[in-house]
Amino acid sequence: MDHPVDHRSTHRWPILRSAAFALLAAISAMAVVATSCSSSPKSSSAVSERPAGPAADLSQELTGSRAPFIGAAAGTAIPAGYVEQEFVAAGSATSYRASGTLGADGQWTFEPDTSADYRTRVLVRRPTDPAAFSGTVLVEWLNVSGGIDANPDYSSTEEELVRQGHAWVGVSAQLIGVQGGPVLVSLPGTSGLTGKGLVAIDPERYGSLVHPGDGYSFDIFTQVARALREGGSALGGEKPKHLIAAGESQSAIALTTYYNGVQPLTEAFDGFFVHSRAAVGLPLVAPGKYADLAGSMAASKPTILRTDLRAPVMELQAESDVTGVLRSIDARQDDSDRFRLWEVAGTSHADTHLLGALSTQTDCGLPINDGPMHLVAKAALRALNAWVVSDTPPAEQPRLATTSTTPVAIARDSDGIAIGGVRTPQVDVPIQVLSGEPGPNPSLLCILLGSTRPLPDPTFVERYGTTFASRFEAALNAAVMAGVILREDTANATAQQTSNTPTSG
């Protein structure tokens, strides 16, 4: 029986902007700078039989006097027509060990290692009316880079999820989110919460949860997927048609390891939304341990995502991810019939849309990036879903241009705007310089937040005269035709640009 949270009366947690916690766990290492399968890949929707394996028990709903806690969405309203519920995910998970070398081609072979019991949580947001459910579930590996669970991909794509009737499931896959651990980046307004974990944050609700360590995270994620496929109360009794794995930043790095080593064994997911990954994968670790992503980034060799699996991959990278601390350029790969890479000009790892009110509390010496990454993320998700459902691949997009210098850098025009990559009207008809380059404050946080700078001369009027509106509309239509901004989001794109347009000068 369903027991939806009543958001009109339930005590909500103090408002913490979710994506503020979605910053890469490896930033503490910035100064250093981390199987066999079936034959030719086919559409993931054509998979008739998946390897058998244990599924998580999702029968117990989590309740308490306070609403579900998540760093990103705490205090925010659930969309109209949607219900939020929270469940225990319980079972016995396996860890993995590598068989052979983890090579740069991503053709990794994993073997089961040890096993351990787990009790973690899953957070579900789904259409209240089963008839409104599209059949697609976005399963997000919750991000713990800020020392607490956060859901940056939900924050970026919520409007698209609701428009299409998709369900969203957030999985507390890692040890820090459940039982606490080291905080790699501190954010304003978060003291007393980060690094504590769900068990300590709300013992009434989460006191029974137990996580055996990050080595088991991959199988926990798989077992939740298997349970969702079976239907049951978590999805209101509905059986999904398609499961898309999603993760941003550290979670995208985890999905890199999952895709290369675990997906060949399980075929648990139909598609992968890999958002802002580094050039390496999350390491395999011993029982009870945290994954040392910082050390892995310093010591591990880059790896691409393998290209021989059925499930397609949409990799979405911000400008700052490519040559910044994440160095995704070291694992840049060509598009294929199962892989797409979109590198978005004028964007940063996190920005004003993700940080919300916290963006004004962060002094980076310049305003942080106010770019359109969330608009492109929604278009990327729609394109990936079409790929999964109907085997219609997304449009290929140009890569960001880079310099021939050492170290390599993003090539820029005379305004300082990135050349190449996914183009939006915000960079093609600029009113400000949106960049992945940070402001002058050298803090670890600011390095990931990019910047928004005034345009250099000529002035706005000298540059555009009376042509700005028509040029912006033409660039917006071009982005829609290219598939990188959705028609439904054009009003939002125009409103954002209009609010920043100078009235004189």
Protein backbone atom coordinates (compact mmCIF):
# COMPACT_ATOMS: atom_id res chain seq x y z
CA MET A 1 0.00 0.00 0.00
CA ASP A 2 1.33 3.44 -0.92
CA HIS A 3 1.86 6.09 1.73
CA PRO A 4 2.81 9.25 -0.14
CA VAL A 5 4.53 12.05 1.73
CA ASP A 6 2.14 14.95 2.32
CA HIS A 7 4.36 17.94 1.62
CA ARG A 8 1.77 20.37 2.96
CA SER A 9 2.11 19.12 6.52
CA THR A 10 5.35 17.12 6.79
CA HIS A 11 8.24 18.93 8.44
CA ARG A 12 10.82 19.67 5.78
CA TRP A 13 14.53 19.89 6.32
CA PRO A 14 16.14 23.34 6.17
CA ILE A 15 16.57 24.33 2.54
CA LEU A 16 19.89 23.15 1.16
CA ARG A 17 20.38 23.48 -2.54
CA SER A 18 20.91 19.90 -3.70
CA ALA A 19 23.43 20.22 -6.34
CA ALA A 20 25.69 22.18 -4.09
CA PHE A 21 26.81 18.82 -2.77
CA ALA A 22 27.38 17.36 -6.19
CA LEU A 23 30.94 18.58 -6.51
CA LEU A 24 33.64 16.13 -7.36
CA ALA A 25 35.13 14.19 -4.49
CA ALA A 26 38.50 14.28 -6.12
CA ILE A 27 39.03 18.00 -5.84
CA SER A 28 41.27 17.46 -2.84
CA ALA A 29 43.75 16.02 -5.32
CA MET A 30 43.66 18.91 -7.75
CA ALA A 31 47.16 20.00 -7.09
CA VAL A 32 48.34 16.54 -8.04
CA VAL A 33 45.72 16.00 -10.51
CA ALA A 34 42.41 9.55 -11.58
CA THR A 35 34.79 -8.83 -19.62
CA SER A 36 33.56 -10.50 -21.89
CA CYS A 37 30.15 -9.73 -23.39
CA SER A 38 27.86 -10.55 -26.27
CA SER A 39 28.85 -10.04 -29.87
CA SER A 40 27.97 -6.92 -31.80
CA PRO A 41 25.90 -4.50 -29.74
CA LYS A 42 22.21 -4.13 -30.47
CA SER A 43 19.46 -1.92 -29.19
CA SER A 44 19.12 -2.32 -25.43
CA SER A 45 15.37 -2.58 -25.86
CA ALA A 46 15.97 -5.83 -27.75
CA VAL A 47 17.37 -7.59 -24.70
CA SER A 48 14.98 -10.48 -24.12
CA GLU A 49 16.76 -12.19 -21.24
CA ARG A 50 19.10 -10.72 -18.68
CA PRO A 51 21.49 -12.66 -16.50
CA ALA A 52 19.73 -13.82 -13.35
CA GLY A 53 20.79 -12.49 -9.99
CA PRO A 54 19.52 -11.32 -6.60
CA ALA A 55 17.27 -8.29 -6.33
CA ALA A 56 17.07 -5.85 -3.45
CA ASP A 57 14.13 -6.13 -1.07
CA LEU A 58 12.21 -2.85 -1.48
CA SER A 59 9.16 -3.86 0.54
CA GLN A 60 9.79 -1.64 3.59
CA GLU A 61 8.87 2.02 3.33
CA LEU A 62 10.89 4.49 5.37
CA THR A 63 8.87 6.88 7.51
CA GLY A 64 9.44 9.43 10.25
CA SER A 65 8.38 12.78 11.58
CA ARG A 66 10.56 14.51 9.02
CA ALA A 67 10.52 14.13 5.26
CA PRO A 68 13.17 12.25 3.30
CA PHE A 69 16.56 13.91 3.51
CA ILE A 70 18.61 14.68 0.46
CA GLY A 71 21.09 17.50 0.20
CA ALA A 72 19.84 18.71 -3.12
CA ALA A 73 16.11 18.64 -2.86
CA ALA A 74 15.53 19.06 0.85
CA GLY A 75 12.94 21.75 1.29
CA THR A 76 11.89 21.86 -2.36
CA ALA A 77 8.42 20.97 -3.57
CA ILE A 78 7.69 17.77 -5.41
CA PRO A 79 6.18 18.54 -8.83
CA ALA A 80 2.42 18.51 -9.21
CA GLY A 81 1.19 15.09 -10.26
CA TYR A 82 4.15 13.35 -8.64
CA VAL A 83 4.55 11.50 -5.36
CA GLU A 84 7.71 11.06 -3.31
CA GLN A 85 8.32 7.90 -1.29
CA GLU A 86 11.35 6.38 0.35
CA PHE A 87 12.21 2.72 0.84
CA VAL A 88 14.80 0.50 2.45
CA ALA A 89 16.83 -1.47 -0.07
CA ALA A 90 18.08 -4.62 1.66
CA GLY A 91 19.96 -7.73 0.65
CA SER A 92 23.37 -9.33 0.39
CA ALA A 93 25.72 -7.73 -2.14
CA THR A 94 28.96 -8.86 -3.70
CA SER A 95 32.11 -6.87 -4.21
CA TYR A 96 34.25 -7.29 -7.31
CA ARG A 97 37.89 -7.88 -8.12
CA ALA A 98 39.56 -7.24 -11.44
CA SER A 99 40.70 -10.15 -13.58
CA GLY A 100 43.62 -8.93 -15.62
CA THR A 101 44.58 -5.38 -16.49
CA LEU A 102 42.10 -2.52 -16.37
CA GLY A 103 43.10 -1.17 -19.76
CA ALA A 104 42.51 2.16 -21.44
CA ASP A 105 39.99 0.59 -23.86
CA GLY A 106 37.49 -0.08 -21.05
CA GLN A 107 37.36 -3.80 -21.87
CA TRP A 108 37.46 -4.75 -18.21
CA THR A 109 36.72 -8.15 -16.70
CA PHE A 110 35.41 -8.31 -13.13
CA GLU A 111 34.83 -11.34 -10.93
CA PRO A 112 32.69 -11.59 -7.78
CA ASP A 113 34.73 -11.37 -4.61
CA THR A 114 33.31 -11.12 -1.07
CA SER A 115 29.70 -10.70 0.04
CA ALA A 116 28.07 -8.62 2.78
CA ASP A 117 24.61 -7.64 3.95
CA TYR A 118 23.35 -4.12 3.33
CA ARG A 119 20.41 -1.88 4.24
CA THR A 120 20.45 1.37 2.31
CA ARG A 121 17.77 3.72 1.05
CA VAL A 122 16.18 4.54 -2.26
CA LEU A 123 14.18 7.70 -2.87
CA VAL A 124 11.44 7.52 -5.48
CA ARG A 125 9.62 10.28 -7.35
CA ARG A 126 7.05 9.00 -9.80
CA PRO A 127 3.78 10.03 -11.44
CA THR A 128 0.85 9.67 -9.04
CA ASP A 129 -1.35 8.40 -11.88
CA PRO A 130 -0.03 5.11 -13.29
CA ALA A 131 -1.48 6.07 -16.66
CA ALA A 132 0.92 9.03 -16.78
CA PHE A 133 4.01 6.84 -16.31
CA SER A 134 6.11 6.68 -19.48
CA GLY A 135 7.74 3.38 -18.60
CA THR A 136 11.21 4.95 -18.25
CA VAL A 137 12.97 5.21 -14.89
CA LEU A 138 16.05 7.36 -14.38
CA VAL A 139 18.06 5.59 -11.67
CA GLU A 140 20.53 8.09 -10.19
CA TRP A 141 23.63 7.05 -8.27
CA LEU A 142 23.40 9.74 -5.59
CA ASN A 143 26.45 11.96 -5.33
CA VAL A 144 28.45 12.11 -2.07
CA SER A 145 31.25 14.49 -3.01
CA GLY A 146 30.05 17.06 -0.47
CA GLY A 147 29.85 14.44 2.29
CA ILE A 148 26.11 13.91 1.91
CA ASP A 149 23.69 12.42 -0.63
CA ALA A 150 22.73 14.81 -3.43
CA ASN A 151 20.80 14.42 -6.70
CA PRO A 152 22.35 16.76 -9.28
CA ASP A 153 20.94 14.94 -12.31
CA TYR A 154 17.42 15.18 -10.92
CA SER A 155 18.00 18.90 -10.32
CA SER A 156 19.22 19.38 -13.89
CA THR A 157 16.49 17.38 -15.63
CA GLU A 158 13.42 17.62 -13.38
CA GLU A 159 11.33 19.53 -15.93
CA GLU A 160 12.02 16.95 -18.62
CA LEU A 161 11.29 14.04 -16.28
CA VAL A 162 7.90 15.52 -15.42
CA ARG A 163 7.05 16.50 -19.00
CA GLN A 164 7.63 12.96 -20.19
CA GLY A 165 6.13 11.14 -17.20
CA HIS A 166 9.39 9.42 -16.28
CA ALA A 167 10.00 8.09 -12.79
CA TRP A 168 13.17 8.95 -10.89
CA VAL A 169 14.89 6.76 -8.30
CA GLY A 170 17.85 7.96 -6.25
CA VAL A 171 20.06 5.25 -4.77
CA SER A 172 22.24 5.82 -1.69
CA ALA A 173 24.92 3.65 -3.23
CA GLN A 174 27.99 4.79 -1.30
CA LEU A 175 29.12 4.47 2.30
CA ILE A 176 29.50 8.20 3.02
CA GLY A 177 25.89 8.97 2.19
CA VAL A 178 24.59 6.36 4.63
CA GLN A 179 27.05 6.28 7.51
CA GLY A 180 29.16 9.39 6.98
CA GLY A 181 32.81 9.93 6.22
CA PRO A 182 35.37 12.45 5.02
CA VAL A 183 34.16 15.71 3.50
CA LEU A 184 36.19 16.68 0.47
CA VAL A 185 34.63 20.08 -0.16
CA SER A 186 32.81 22.29 2.33
CA LEU A 187 30.04 24.61 1.23
CA PRO A 188 28.46 27.61 2.93
CA GLY A 189 25.34 26.87 4.93
CA THR A 190 25.98 23.15 5.35
CA SER A 191 27.74 22.87 8.70
CA GLY A 192 26.44 20.15 10.99
CA LEU A 193 25.21 17.97 8.14
CA THR A 194 28.01 17.09 5.76
CA GLY A 195 30.01 14.00 6.56
CA LYS A 196 27.45 12.68 9.05
CA GLY A 197 25.45 10.33 6.84
CA LEU A 198 21.76 9.51 6.94
CA VAL A 199 22.02 7.37 10.08
CA ALA A 200 23.28 10.27 12.19
CA ILE A 201 21.27 13.01 10.47
CA ASP A 202 17.90 11.38 11.22
CA PRO A 203 18.24 8.32 13.50
CA GLU A 204 14.47 8.00 13.79
CA ARG A 205 14.12 7.46 10.07
CA TYR A 206 17.44 5.96 9.06
CA GLY A 207 18.84 4.36 12.20
CA SER A 208 18.52 0.81 10.86
CA LEU A 209 20.58 1.44 7.71
CA VAL A 210 23.95 -0.29 7.29
CA HIS A 211 26.40 0.04 4.40
CA PRO A 212 29.26 -2.49 4.07
CA GLY A 213 31.58 -0.21 2.04
CA ASP A 214 32.04 1.20 -1.44
CA GLY A 215 33.30 -2.08 -2.85
CA TYR A 216 29.69 -3.30 -2.66
CA SER A 217 28.16 -0.16 -4.19
CA PHE A 218 28.15 -1.55 -7.72
CA ASP A 219 26.14 -4.65 -6.84
CA ILE A 220 23.80 -2.66 -4.60
CA PHE A 221 23.04 -0.47 -7.63
CA THR A 222 22.43 -3.58 -9.74
CA GLN A 223 20.14 -5.17 -7.16
CA VAL A 224 18.01 -2.03 -6.92
CA ALA A 225 17.64 -2.08 -10.70
CA ARG A 226 16.53 -5.72 -10.65
CA ALA A 227 13.97 -4.97 -7.95
CA LEU A 228 12.55 -2.05 -9.92
CA ARG A 229 12.09 -4.28 -12.97
CA GLU A 230 9.93 -6.60 -10.90
CA GLY A 231 7.44 -3.83 -10.16
CA GLY A 232 6.07 -3.61 -6.64
CA SER A 233 5.24 -0.75 -4.34
CA ALA A 234 8.32 1.34 -5.12
CA LEU A 235 6.86 2.21 -8.52
CA GLY A 236 3.23 2.02 -7.46
CA GLY A 237 2.87 -1.49 -8.80
CA GLU A 238 4.05 -0.55 -12.30
CA LYS A 239 6.73 -2.49 -14.16
CA PRO A 240 9.12 -0.21 -16.05
CA LYS A 241 10.04 -0.79 -19.66
CA HIS A 242 13.41 0.93 -19.55
CA LEU A 243 15.96 1.75 -16.84
CA ILE A 244 18.54 4.47 -17.46
CA ALA A 245 21.48 4.73 -15.04
CA ALA A 246 22.50 8.31 -14.28
CA GLY A 247 25.32 9.91 -12.35
CA GLU A 248 27.10 13.26 -12.18
CA SER A 249 30.68 13.99 -11.14
CA GLN A 250 31.90 11.32 -8.68
CA SER A 251 28.80 9.29 -9.55
CA ALA A 252 29.65 9.51 -13.26
CA ILE A 253 33.10 8.22 -12.40
CA ALA A 254 31.42 5.33 -10.57
CA LEU A 255 29.27 4.64 -13.63
CA THR A 256 32.44 4.50 -15.74
CA THR A 257 33.63 1.57 -13.63
CA TYR A 258 30.14 0.07 -13.60
CA TYR A 259 29.75 0.24 -17.38
CA ASN A 260 33.18 -1.15 -18.15
CA GLY A 261 33.18 -3.98 -15.61
CA VAL A 262 29.73 -4.69 -14.16
CA GLN A 263 27.23 -4.00 -16.94
CA PRO A 264 28.73 -6.81 -19.09
CA LEU A 265 27.93 -9.24 -16.25
CA THR A 266 24.45 -7.97 -15.37
CA GLU A 267 22.93 -6.07 -18.31
CA ALA A 268 20.95 -4.37 -15.55
CA PHE A 269 20.42 -1.06 -17.37
CA ASP A 270 19.17 -0.10 -20.82
CA GLY A 271 21.12 3.15 -21.13
CA PHE A 272 23.66 5.30 -19.30
CA PHE A 273 23.63 9.07 -18.67
CA VAL A 274 27.25 9.81 -17.73
CA HIS A 275 27.45 13.47 -16.70
CA SER A 276 30.73 15.29 -15.94
CA ARG A 277 33.05 12.31 -15.55
CA ALA A 278 36.79 12.38 -15.05
CA ALA A 279 39.19 10.41 -17.22
CA VAL A 280 39.28 7.49 -14.76
CA GLY A 281 36.88 5.12 -13.03
CA LEU A 282 35.98 4.73 -9.36
CA PRO A 283 38.39 2.20 -7.80
CA LEU A 284 37.40 -1.18 -6.40
CA VAL A 285 38.02 -1.26 -2.64
CA ALA A 286 38.09 -3.70 0.27
CA PRO A 287 35.16 -4.23 2.67
CA GLY A 288 34.33 -1.28 4.89
CA LYS A 289 36.44 1.15 2.86
CA TYR A 290 35.66 4.38 1.06
CA ALA A 291 36.65 4.63 -2.59
CA ASP A 292 39.76 6.83 -2.75
CA LEU A 293 38.84 8.79 -5.83
CA ALA A 294 41.45 11.48 -5.21
CA GLY A 295 44.22 8.90 -5.09
CA SER A 296 42.80 7.15 -8.11
CA MET A 297 42.84 10.33 -10.17
CA ALA A 298 46.47 10.87 -9.28
CA ALA A 299 47.58 7.30 -9.94
CA SER A 300 45.20 5.62 -12.39
CA LYS A 301 45.46 5.64 -16.16
CA PRO A 302 42.65 7.17 -18.22
CA THR A 303 40.01 4.88 -19.65
CA ILE A 304 37.35 5.32 -22.28
CA LEU A 305 33.92 3.73 -22.02
CA ARG A 306 33.86 0.39 -23.79
CA THR A 307 32.02 0.27 -27.10
CA ASP A 308 30.81 -3.33 -27.36
CA LEU A 309 27.73 -3.35 -25.10
CA ARG A 310 24.06 -3.09 -26.00
CA ALA A 311 23.22 -0.25 -23.62
CA PRO A 312 24.03 3.13 -25.23
CA VAL A 313 25.92 5.87 -23.41
CA MET A 314 25.31 9.60 -23.50
CA GLU A 315 28.35 11.34 -22.01
CA LEU A 316 27.72 15.00 -21.17
CA GLN A 317 30.71 17.16 -20.26
CA ALA A 318 30.88 20.77 -19.15
CA GLU A 319 33.57 22.97 -20.65
CA SER A 320 35.43 23.03 -17.33
CA ASP A 321 35.43 19.21 -17.17
CA VAL A 322 37.43 18.83 -20.36
CA THR A 323 40.76 20.46 -19.50
CA GLY A 324 40.24 21.30 -15.83
CA VAL A 325 40.83 19.09 -12.81
CA LEU A 326 38.72 16.26 -14.25
CA ARG A 327 40.79 16.12 -17.45
CA SER A 328 38.10 14.28 -19.38
CA ILE A 329 40.06 15.13 -22.52
CA ASP A 330 42.47 12.35 -21.54
CA ALA A 331 39.63 9.87 -22.10
CA ARG A 332 37.94 11.66 -25.01
CA GLN A 333 36.63 9.14 -27.54
CA ASP A 334 34.94 9.09 -30.91
CA ASP A 335 31.21 8.70 -31.28
CA SER A 336 29.96 5.25 -32.26
CA ASP A 337 26.71 3.37 -32.71
CA ARG A 338 26.54 3.01 -28.89
CA PHE A 339 28.29 6.19 -27.68
CA ARG A 340 27.77 9.94 -27.90
CA LEU A 341 29.87 12.70 -26.33
CA TRP A 342 28.55 16.24 -25.95
CA GLU A 343 31.01 18.88 -24.68
CA VAL A 344 29.12 22.09 -23.90
CA ALA A 345 30.74 25.47 -24.52
CA GLY A 346 30.37 28.14 -21.83
CA THR A 347 29.52 25.76 -18.99
CA SER A 348 31.08 24.63 -15.73
CA HIS A 349 31.01 21.57 -13.49
CA ALA A 350 28.48 23.29 -11.23
CA ASP A 351 26.75 26.63 -11.75
CA THR A 352 24.08 29.01 -10.51
CA HIS A 353 21.26 26.68 -11.54
CA LEU A 354 22.65 23.83 -9.44
CA LEU A 355 23.77 25.88 -6.45
CA GLY A 356 20.70 28.10 -6.29
CA ALA A 357 20.82 30.47 -3.33
CA LEU A 358 24.24 29.18 -2.31
CA SER A 359 25.73 30.72 -5.45
CA THR A 360 25.46 34.18 -3.88
CA GLN A 361 27.24 32.96 -0.75
CA THR A 362 30.30 31.78 -2.64
CA ASP A 363 33.01 34.40 -3.22
CA CYS A 364 35.09 33.37 -6.20
CA GLY A 365 36.21 36.88 -7.13
CA LEU A 366 33.77 36.89 -10.06
CA PRO A 367 30.16 35.71 -10.36
CA ILE A 368 30.10 31.97 -10.94
CA ASN A 369 28.98 30.43 -14.22
CA ASP A 370 25.38 31.20 -15.17
CA GLY A 371 25.36 29.03 -18.25
CA PRO A 372 22.79 26.78 -19.96
CA MET A 373 24.08 23.36 -18.86
CA HIS A 374 20.68 22.38 -17.43
CA LEU A 375 19.01 23.15 -20.77
CA VAL A 376 21.43 20.92 -22.65
CA ALA A 377 21.13 18.21 -19.98
CA LYS A 378 17.38 17.99 -20.57
CA ALA A 379 17.90 17.69 -24.31
CA ALA A 380 20.59 15.05 -23.78
CA LEU A 381 18.27 13.00 -21.58
CA ARG A 382 15.48 13.12 -24.16
CA ALA A 383 17.90 12.07 -26.88
CA LEU A 384 19.21 9.19 -24.79
CA ASN A 385 15.70 7.99 -23.96
CA ALA A 386 14.82 7.96 -27.68
CA TRP A 387 17.99 5.96 -28.29
CA VAL A 388 16.99 3.43 -25.65
CA VAL A 389 13.33 3.19 -26.63
CA SER A 390 13.49 3.30 -30.43
CA ASP A 391 17.20 2.91 -31.25
CA THR A 392 17.27 6.44 -32.68
CA PRO A 393 20.77 7.77 -31.95
CA PRO A 394 21.32 11.36 -30.82
CA ALA A 395 22.88 13.87 -33.16
CA GLU A 396 26.66 13.97 -33.14
CA GLN A 397 28.12 17.24 -31.86
CA PRO A 398 31.53 18.84 -32.47
CA ARG A 399 34.17 18.64 -29.76
CA LEU A 400 35.46 21.73 -28.01
CA ALA A 401 38.51 23.15 -29.75
CA THR A 402 41.77 23.01 -27.82
CA THR A 403 45.16 24.67 -28.05
CA SER A 404 48.42 23.02 -29.04
CA THR A 405 50.06 24.22 -25.83
CA THR A 406 51.27 22.12 -22.91
CA PRO A 407 49.18 21.67 -20.90
CA VAL A 408 46.34 21.69 -23.40
CA ALA A 409 43.69 24.37 -22.88
CA ILE A 410 40.32 25.32 -24.35
CA ALA A 411 40.70 27.48 -27.47
CA ARG A 412 38.84 30.78 -27.13
CA ASP A 413 37.63 33.59 -29.37
CA SER A 414 38.44 37.26 -28.88
CA ASP A 415 35.75 37.56 -26.20
CA GLY A 416 37.17 34.64 -24.23
CA ILE A 417 34.35 32.27 -25.17
CA ALA A 418 35.15 28.64 -25.98
CA ILE A 419 35.36 27.67 -29.64
CA GLY A 420 33.55 24.55 -30.86
CA GLY A 421 31.55 22.12 -28.77
CA VAL A 422 27.80 22.17 -28.26
CA ARG A 423 26.65 25.67 -29.20
CA THR A 424 23.85 27.61 -27.54
CA PRO A 425 22.65 31.19 -28.09
CA GLN A 426 24.21 32.15 -24.76
CA VAL A 427 27.67 31.71 -26.32
CA ASP A 428 26.90 32.49 -29.97
CA VAL A 429 25.04 35.74 -29.26
CA PRO A 430 26.63 36.62 -25.93
CA ILE A 431 25.68 39.34 -23.50
CA GLN A 432 28.33 38.15 -21.04
CA VAL A 433 31.30 35.81 -21.15
CA LEU A 434 30.25 32.40 -19.84
CA SER A 435 33.31 30.29 -19.17
CA GLY A 436 34.57 27.19 -17.47
CA GLU A 437 37.55 29.25 -16.34
CA PRO A 438 37.17 30.19 -12.65
CA GLY A 439 37.42 33.61 -11.06
CA PRO A 440 40.58 34.75 -9.27
CA ASN A 441 39.78 33.05 -5.95
CA PRO A 442 41.89 29.87 -6.09
CA SER A 443 39.76 27.84 -3.65
CA LEU A 444 39.02 24.23 -4.52
CA LEU A 445 35.32 25.01 -4.72
CA CYS A 446 35.71 27.96 -7.08
CA ILE A 447 37.85 25.98 -9.52
CA LEU A 448 34.76 23.93 -10.39
CA LEU A 449 32.30 26.82 -10.64
CA GLY A 450 33.56 28.65 -13.72
CA SER A 451 32.76 32.31 -14.16
CA THR A 452 30.48 34.91 -15.69
CA ARG A 453 32.39 37.98 -16.87
CA PRO A 454 31.38 41.23 -18.58
CA LEU A 455 31.83 41.30 -22.33
CA PRO A 456 34.89 43.21 -23.48
CA ASP A 457 34.56 46.13 -25.89
CA PRO A 458 32.69 46.92 -28.05
CA THR A 459 29.70 47.78 -25.88
CA PHE A 460 26.42 45.93 -26.19
CA VAL A 461 24.86 48.64 -28.36
CA GLU A 462 27.94 48.94 -30.56
CA ARG A 463 28.05 45.19 -30.95
CA TYR A 464 24.39 44.53 -31.72
CA GLY A 465 22.61 47.80 -32.43
CA THR A 466 18.97 46.77 -32.85
CA THR A 467 19.74 43.23 -34.06
CA PHE A 468 20.20 41.41 -30.76
CA ALA A 469 16.70 39.92 -30.49
CA SER A 470 16.67 38.58 -34.04
CA ARG A 471 20.19 37.17 -33.78
CA PHE A 472 19.43 35.50 -30.47
CA GLU A 473 16.25 33.95 -31.88
CA ALA A 474 18.15 32.62 -34.89
CA ALA A 475 20.83 31.09 -32.66
CA LEU A 476 18.16 29.58 -30.41
CA ASN A 477 16.40 28.02 -33.39
CA ALA A 478 19.73 26.62 -34.56
CA ALA A 479 20.27 25.00 -31.15
CA VAL A 480 16.79 23.47 -31.30
CA MET A 481 17.43 22.13 -34.79
CA ALA A 482 20.74 20.68 -33.58
CA GLY A 483 18.88 18.88 -30.79
CA VAL A 484 20.78 20.51 -27.93
CA ILE A 485 17.93 22.68 -26.59
CA LEU A 486 14.36 21.42 -26.49
CA ARG A 487 11.57 23.40 -28.13
CA GLU A 488 9.75 23.40 -24.79
CA ASP A 489 12.72 25.14 -23.15
CA THR A 490 13.07 28.03 -25.60
CA ALA A 491 10.99 30.33 -23.41
CA ASN A 492 13.26 29.58 -20.44
CA ALA A 493 16.36 30.22 -22.53
CA THR A 494 14.97 33.52 -23.77
CA ALA A 495 13.89 34.61 -20.30
CA GLN A 496 17.33 33.86 -18.84
CA GLN A 497 19.06 35.85 -21.55
CA THR A 498 16.56 38.73 -21.38
CA SER A 499 17.00 39.09 -17.62
CA ASN A 500 20.73 39.64 -18.15
CA THR A 501 20.52 41.88 -21.23
CA PRO A 502 21.89 45.40 -20.71
CA THR A 503 19.40 48.20 -21.27
CA SER A 504 22.13 50.56 -22.42
CA GLY A 505 25.85 50.73 -23.02
